[in-house]
Amino acid sequence: DVVRFDELTHFTESQYLYLISRVRGTGPCPKQIKSTTNPGGTGHLWVKRRFIERGLSGESFVGEDGMSRIFIPSLLDNNPFLAKSDPHYRDRLLALPERERKALLYGDWNIFEGQYFDEFDEKVHVCEPFEIPKDWRRYRALDYGLDMLACVFVAVNSLGQAFVYKEVGQSNLPISSAAGRVLDMTERDKDRHPTEEFYLTLAPPDLWNRSQETGRSKATIFGDAGLYLTKSNNDREAGWLAIKELLKLDSNGEPRLKIFNTCRELIKCLPALIRDEKKPTDCATEPHEITHYPDALRYFAIYYHRPGETSDNTPRREW
């Protein structure tokens, strides 16, 4: 009849959904699932999305699955028994580094322990959309697998500031359909002629691995479908550090990377990445569903930080 979770963000979403499917019975006891947790951990993103982003604190709402939900914030001030029995607990929380202090003392779900890109700030790195000037150099960068296609569109101005202005993603797409999905996002005039020129479309090196059965690579099949790719670098640590360099503020308080507020998946996933416990200079690969758009951005960032050349030593321009 009832399931209780403690430290819910230590569970994956699939574990949670399976266990709540076990709540059933013919008895009169109300069927309930209750959970407690702090911000942070493997499940931070899905817990935030399921309970916190979709409703006002303390007010119940109905989710897409028809189940009613409610998020009840519980801060130290709501626990007078703990404050009385351990009066120095607050002092210990105040002594924590800023990120951990905001998460544990103030219940801030935008900053949590283990966050890789703790410099990311929506107020600074996210902007309103605007018309991209024609003379700005445009890039596409994609991450592809049958589980997910994720592609980001980036424009760079004459000062070297990059703007992610568009994104597209979908799961279960064969390569030809994935290429068509990206090409469909190209701006066109009233006669359907492309008006958007891309300097490069960057992708990870594994797409150039040849199939044992056909002898052809995924990159070749993308090209056959009209989307010509340029090989980026797959050095994960260098790629994440390249993103950090772009997020870093200059002396005027401006970053070299901004994201249009319409790119909701990248904005949601990038700050949700956590450090790998065994290799803190890398991002954890779980939960896997949040890694696709940041990976796509990583292929752009490492190329932009250390630009390479195409196989014939000439840049490729494409529509």
Protein backbone atom coordinates (compact mmCIF):
# COMPACT_ATOMS: atom_id res chain seq x y z
CA ASP A 1 0.00 0.00 0.00
CA VAL A 2 2.80 2.40 0.83
CA VAL A 3 6.41 3.02 -0.32
CA ARG A 4 8.82 5.38 1.44
CA PHE A 5 12.14 6.62 0.01
CA ASP A 6 14.91 8.24 2.01
CA GLU A 7 17.52 10.23 0.04
CA LEU A 8 15.51 9.92 -3.18
CA THR A 9 18.22 11.46 -5.35
CA HIS A 10 20.36 8.36 -4.71
CA PHE A 11 17.92 6.41 -6.88
CA THR A 12 17.56 6.48 -10.65
CA GLU A 13 14.24 7.43 -12.19
CA SER A 14 13.73 3.92 -13.59
CA GLN A 15 14.19 2.41 -10.11
CA TYR A 16 11.68 4.86 -8.67
CA LEU A 17 9.07 4.27 -11.37
CA TYR A 18 9.37 0.50 -11.04
CA LEU A 19 8.99 0.54 -7.27
CA ILE A 20 5.95 2.82 -7.31
CA SER A 21 4.35 0.39 -9.78
CA ARG A 22 4.37 -2.11 -6.88
CA VAL A 23 2.01 0.09 -4.84
CA ARG A 24 -1.28 -1.74 -5.15
CA GLY A 25 -3.87 -3.63 -3.14
CA THR A 26 -7.54 -4.05 -2.32
CA GLY A 27 -7.33 -2.81 1.26
CA PRO A 28 -8.74 0.54 2.46
CA CYS A 29 -5.33 2.08 3.18
CA PRO A 30 -4.65 5.03 0.79
CA LYS A 31 -1.97 4.20 -1.74
CA GLN A 32 0.95 6.59 -1.20
CA ILE A 33 4.56 7.22 -2.11
CA LYS A 34 6.50 9.61 0.10
CA SER A 35 10.14 10.63 -0.19
CA THR A 36 12.72 12.81 1.51
CA THR A 37 15.98 14.03 0.02
CA ASN A 38 18.59 16.74 -0.25
CA PRO A 39 19.66 18.29 -3.56
CA GLY A 40 22.48 16.48 -5.34
CA GLY A 41 23.30 12.94 -6.36
CA THR A 42 22.66 10.76 -9.39
CA GLY A 43 18.92 11.43 -9.42
CA HIS A 44 19.08 15.20 -8.86
CA LEU A 45 17.80 16.13 -12.31
CA TRP A 46 14.76 13.85 -12.51
CA VAL A 47 13.67 14.60 -8.93
CA LYS A 48 13.91 18.31 -9.62
CA ARG A 49 11.96 17.89 -12.86
CA ARG A 50 9.27 15.63 -11.39
CA PHE A 51 8.52 17.50 -8.17
CA ILE A 52 10.06 20.97 -8.09
CA GLU A 53 9.99 22.52 -11.57
CA ARG A 54 6.34 21.67 -12.24
CA GLY A 55 4.56 23.03 -9.18
CA LEU A 56 4.63 25.67 -6.49
CA SER A 57 6.13 24.72 -3.16
CA GLY A 58 3.49 23.34 -0.84
CA GLU A 59 0.78 23.12 -3.51
CA SER A 60 -0.33 19.83 -5.04
CA PHE A 61 -0.50 19.40 -8.80
CA VAL A 62 -1.24 16.58 -11.23
CA GLY A 63 1.58 15.24 -13.37
CA GLU A 64 1.40 13.97 -16.92
CA ASP A 65 0.81 10.45 -15.61
CA GLY A 66 -2.34 11.59 -13.76
CA MET A 67 -0.75 11.15 -10.33
CA SER A 68 -1.01 14.02 -7.86
CA ARG A 69 2.25 15.33 -6.44
CA ILE A 70 3.38 17.88 -3.90
CA PHE A 71 6.79 19.29 -2.95
CA ILE A 72 7.09 20.43 0.68
CA PRO A 73 10.34 22.31 1.39
CA SER A 74 11.79 21.47 4.79
CA LEU A 75 14.56 23.73 6.06
CA LEU A 76 16.36 23.80 9.36
CA ASP A 77 13.98 26.48 10.66
CA ASN A 78 11.13 23.98 10.21
CA ASN A 79 12.72 21.59 12.70
CA PRO A 80 12.74 23.27 16.12
CA PHE A 81 13.50 19.95 17.84
CA LEU A 82 16.81 19.60 15.99
CA ALA A 83 17.68 23.26 16.51
CA LYS A 84 17.08 22.88 20.24
CA SER A 85 18.92 19.59 20.73
CA ASP A 86 21.87 20.52 18.46
CA PRO A 87 22.18 24.35 18.51
CA HIS A 88 25.55 24.29 16.67
CA TYR A 89 24.24 22.36 13.64
CA ARG A 90 23.49 25.61 11.81
CA ASP A 91 27.06 26.80 12.43
CA ARG A 92 28.40 23.63 10.86
CA LEU A 93 26.24 24.14 7.78
CA LEU A 94 27.34 27.78 7.53
CA ALA A 95 30.96 26.62 7.53
CA LEU A 96 30.46 24.58 4.34
CA PRO A 97 31.66 25.84 0.94
CA GLU A 98 29.11 28.09 -0.76
CA ARG A 99 27.69 25.46 -3.12
CA GLU A 100 27.11 22.85 -0.39
CA ARG A 101 25.83 25.53 2.01
CA LYS A 102 23.20 26.72 -0.46
CA ALA A 103 22.04 23.15 -1.12
CA LEU A 104 21.90 21.86 2.46
CA LEU A 105 21.01 24.99 4.45
CA TYR A 106 18.79 26.83 1.97
CA GLY A 107 17.51 23.94 -0.15
CA ASP A 108 18.81 25.44 -3.40
CA TRP A 109 18.14 22.91 -6.19
CA ASN A 110 20.17 24.89 -8.72
CA ILE A 111 23.45 24.28 -6.88
CA PHE A 112 24.38 20.90 -5.45
CA GLU A 113 27.37 18.90 -4.26
CA GLY A 114 29.30 17.27 -7.08
CA GLN A 115 28.05 19.65 -9.78
CA TYR A 116 30.66 19.78 -12.56
CA PHE A 117 29.75 23.13 -14.10
CA ASP A 118 29.18 25.03 -10.88
CA GLU A 119 30.05 28.26 -12.70
CA PHE A 120 26.91 27.96 -14.84
CA ASP A 121 24.40 30.68 -13.97
CA GLU A 122 21.18 31.07 -15.95
CA LYS A 123 21.14 34.79 -15.20
CA VAL A 124 24.53 35.14 -16.91
CA HIS A 125 24.80 32.34 -19.45
CA VAL A 126 21.24 32.30 -20.81
CA CYS A 127 19.87 35.08 -23.00
CA GLU A 128 16.80 36.05 -25.00
CA PRO A 129 16.87 34.95 -28.66
CA PHE A 130 17.83 37.50 -31.31
CA GLU A 131 18.36 37.38 -35.05
CA ILE A 132 21.82 36.01 -35.83
CA PRO A 133 23.70 38.34 -38.23
CA LYS A 134 24.53 36.78 -41.59
CA ASP A 135 28.27 37.37 -41.22
CA TRP A 136 28.60 35.35 -37.99
CA ARG A 137 30.27 31.97 -38.46
CA ARG A 138 27.87 29.13 -37.73
CA TYR A 139 28.58 25.61 -36.55
CA ARG A 140 26.61 22.48 -35.82
CA ALA A 141 27.84 19.85 -33.36
CA LEU A 142 26.10 16.55 -32.82
CA ASP A 143 26.15 13.45 -30.68
CA TYR A 144 24.54 10.44 -32.29
CA GLY A 145 23.38 7.02 -31.17
CA LEU A 146 20.18 5.12 -31.72
CA ASP A 147 19.20 6.03 -28.16
CA MET A 148 19.46 9.76 -28.95
CA LEU A 149 20.41 12.27 -31.59
CA ALA A 150 21.41 15.59 -29.99
CA CYS A 151 22.58 18.53 -32.09
CA VAL A 152 23.39 22.11 -31.07
CA PHE A 153 23.66 25.07 -33.44
CA VAL A 154 26.30 27.65 -32.49
CA ALA A 155 27.04 31.09 -33.95
CA VAL A 156 30.28 32.96 -33.24
CA ASN A 157 30.60 36.74 -33.53
CA SER A 158 33.66 38.79 -34.50
CA LEU A 159 34.69 39.06 -30.83
CA GLY A 160 34.85 35.30 -30.46
CA GLN A 161 31.72 35.03 -28.34
CA ALA A 162 29.68 31.88 -29.06
CA PHE A 163 25.89 31.65 -28.90
CA VAL A 164 24.01 28.34 -28.85
CA TYR A 165 20.91 29.47 -30.69
CA LYS A 166 19.14 26.25 -31.60
CA GLU A 167 18.99 22.59 -30.61
CA VAL A 168 17.33 19.47 -31.93
CA GLY A 169 17.10 15.96 -30.57
CA GLN A 170 15.16 12.74 -30.97
CA SER A 171 15.59 9.09 -30.08
CA ASN A 172 15.32 5.93 -32.19
CA LEU A 173 16.34 7.56 -35.46
CA PRO A 174 18.29 5.66 -38.11
CA ILE A 175 21.18 7.67 -39.53
CA SER A 176 19.38 8.91 -42.64
CA SER A 177 16.45 10.13 -40.54
CA ALA A 178 18.79 11.74 -38.02
CA ALA A 179 20.52 13.63 -40.84
CA GLY A 180 17.14 14.71 -42.19
CA ARG A 181 16.06 15.90 -38.74
CA VAL A 182 19.14 18.15 -38.49
CA LEU A 183 18.79 19.42 -42.07
CA ASP A 184 15.11 20.21 -41.46
CA MET A 185 16.25 22.76 -38.84
CA THR A 186 18.13 24.76 -41.48
CA GLU A 187 16.61 28.19 -42.10
CA ARG A 188 15.03 28.54 -45.54
CA ASP A 189 13.36 31.25 -47.59
CA LYS A 190 9.77 31.15 -48.87
CA ASP A 191 10.88 28.98 -51.81
CA ARG A 192 12.50 26.46 -49.43
CA HIS A 193 16.03 27.42 -50.46
CA PRO A 194 18.52 27.24 -47.55
CA THR A 195 19.60 30.62 -46.22
CA GLU A 196 21.79 29.33 -43.40
CA GLU A 197 25.42 28.46 -44.18
CA PHE A 198 27.47 26.33 -41.78
CA TYR A 199 31.22 26.45 -41.54
CA LEU A 200 31.47 22.95 -40.04
CA THR A 201 29.28 20.20 -38.61
CA LEU A 202 31.33 18.57 -35.86
CA ALA A 203 30.93 15.01 -34.61
CA PRO A 204 32.85 12.49 -32.44
CA PRO A 205 35.58 10.32 -34.01
CA ASP A 206 33.73 7.03 -33.37
CA LEU A 207 31.32 7.89 -36.20
CA TRP A 208 34.24 7.25 -38.59
CA ASN A 209 34.65 3.63 -37.42
CA ARG A 210 33.84 1.26 -40.26
CA SER A 211 31.21 -1.43 -39.88
CA GLN A 212 32.58 -4.95 -40.15
CA GLU A 213 29.52 -5.98 -42.14
CA THR A 214 29.43 -3.18 -44.73
CA GLY A 215 32.86 -1.55 -44.52
CA ARG A 216 31.14 1.85 -44.32
CA SER A 217 31.15 4.31 -41.44
CA LYS A 218 28.27 6.21 -39.87
CA ALA A 219 29.92 9.44 -41.04
CA THR A 220 29.75 8.17 -44.63
CA ILE A 221 26.05 7.38 -44.28
CA PHE A 222 25.43 10.84 -42.82
CA GLY A 223 27.20 12.28 -45.89
CA ASP A 224 25.09 10.17 -48.23
CA ALA A 225 22.04 11.72 -46.57
CA GLY A 226 23.36 15.24 -47.21
CA LEU A 227 24.92 16.01 -43.82
CA TYR A 228 28.71 16.19 -44.15
CA LEU A 229 30.59 15.82 -40.87
CA THR A 230 33.99 17.00 -39.64
CA LYS A 231 35.80 14.93 -37.04
CA SER A 232 36.14 16.62 -33.65
CA ASN A 233 38.24 15.50 -30.68
CA ASN A 234 36.84 13.05 -28.12
CA ASP A 235 39.21 13.91 -25.26
CA ARG A 236 36.55 14.14 -22.54
CA GLU A 237 38.57 16.02 -19.92
CA ALA A 238 39.91 18.54 -22.42
CA GLY A 239 36.42 18.99 -23.85
CA TRP A 240 34.80 19.69 -20.49
CA LEU A 241 37.62 22.11 -19.61
CA ALA A 242 37.06 23.86 -22.94
CA ILE A 243 33.41 24.40 -21.96
CA LYS A 244 34.55 25.75 -18.60
CA GLU A 245 36.81 28.22 -20.42
CA LEU A 246 33.84 29.41 -22.46
CA LEU A 247 31.67 29.76 -19.35
CA LYS A 248 34.34 31.73 -17.45
CA LEU A 249 33.61 35.44 -17.02
CA ASP A 250 35.96 38.08 -18.36
CA SER A 251 36.92 41.33 -16.63
CA ASN A 252 33.59 42.81 -17.70
CA GLY A 253 31.60 39.95 -16.21
CA GLU A 254 30.78 38.48 -19.63
CA PRO A 255 31.22 34.82 -20.65
CA ARG A 256 32.37 33.64 -24.07
CA LEU A 257 29.37 31.30 -24.28
CA LYS A 258 25.69 32.14 -24.05
CA ILE A 259 22.65 29.96 -24.69
CA PHE A 260 19.30 31.10 -26.09
CA ASN A 261 16.55 30.43 -23.56
CA THR A 262 14.74 28.34 -26.20
CA CYS A 263 17.43 25.63 -25.90
CA ARG A 264 15.77 24.08 -22.90
CA GLU A 265 17.42 20.65 -23.04
CA LEU A 266 20.97 22.01 -22.97
CA ILE A 267 20.07 24.50 -20.22
CA LYS A 268 18.55 21.66 -18.20
CA CYS A 269 21.29 19.07 -18.74
CA LEU A 270 24.52 21.08 -18.60
CA PRO A 271 24.26 22.18 -14.94
CA ALA A 272 22.96 18.73 -13.96
CA LEU A 273 26.20 16.95 -14.86
CA ILE A 274 28.09 15.69 -11.82
CA ARG A 275 31.75 14.80 -11.31
CA ASP A 276 32.88 11.22 -11.77
CA GLU A 277 33.62 9.91 -8.27
CA LYS A 278 36.69 7.98 -9.48
CA LYS A 279 37.92 10.67 -11.88
CA PRO A 280 36.89 14.15 -10.65
CA THR A 281 38.27 15.84 -13.79
CA ASP A 282 35.64 14.02 -15.86
CA CYS A 283 31.85 14.07 -15.81
CA ALA A 284 29.89 11.02 -14.71
CA THR A 285 28.23 9.15 -17.57
CA GLU A 286 25.13 8.45 -15.48
CA PRO A 287 22.31 9.28 -15.65
CA HIS A 288 23.02 8.77 -19.34
CA GLU A 289 19.97 10.65 -20.58
CA ILE A 290 21.40 14.02 -19.49
CA THR A 291 24.77 13.59 -21.26
CA HIS A 292 23.79 13.86 -24.95
CA TYR A 293 23.40 17.64 -25.36
CA PRO A 294 26.48 18.46 -23.23
CA ASP A 295 28.47 15.95 -25.30
CA ALA A 296 27.39 17.73 -28.49
CA LEU A 297 28.49 21.06 -27.00
CA ARG A 298 31.78 19.45 -25.96
CA TYR A 299 32.59 18.54 -29.57
CA PHE A 300 32.16 22.19 -30.52
CA ALA A 301 34.05 23.56 -27.51
CA ILE A 302 37.16 21.43 -27.93
CA TYR A 303 37.33 22.21 -31.66
CA TYR A 304 36.81 25.92 -31.04
CA HIS A 305 39.43 25.87 -28.30
CA ARG A 306 41.87 23.91 -30.48
CA PRO A 307 40.63 24.14 -34.09
CA GLY A 308 41.64 21.35 -36.42
CA GLU A 309 41.54 20.78 -40.15
CA THR A 310 39.59 18.54 -42.49
CA SER A 311 41.26 15.59 -44.17
CA ASP A 312 42.17 17.66 -47.24
CA ASN A 313 43.50 20.50 -45.03
CA THR A 314 40.74 22.89 -46.11
CA PRO A 315 37.74 24.03 -44.09
CA ARG A 316 34.45 22.61 -45.28
CA ARG A 317 31.51 24.95 -45.83
CA GLU A 318 28.09 23.48 -46.24
CA TRP A 319 24.43 24.40 -46.28
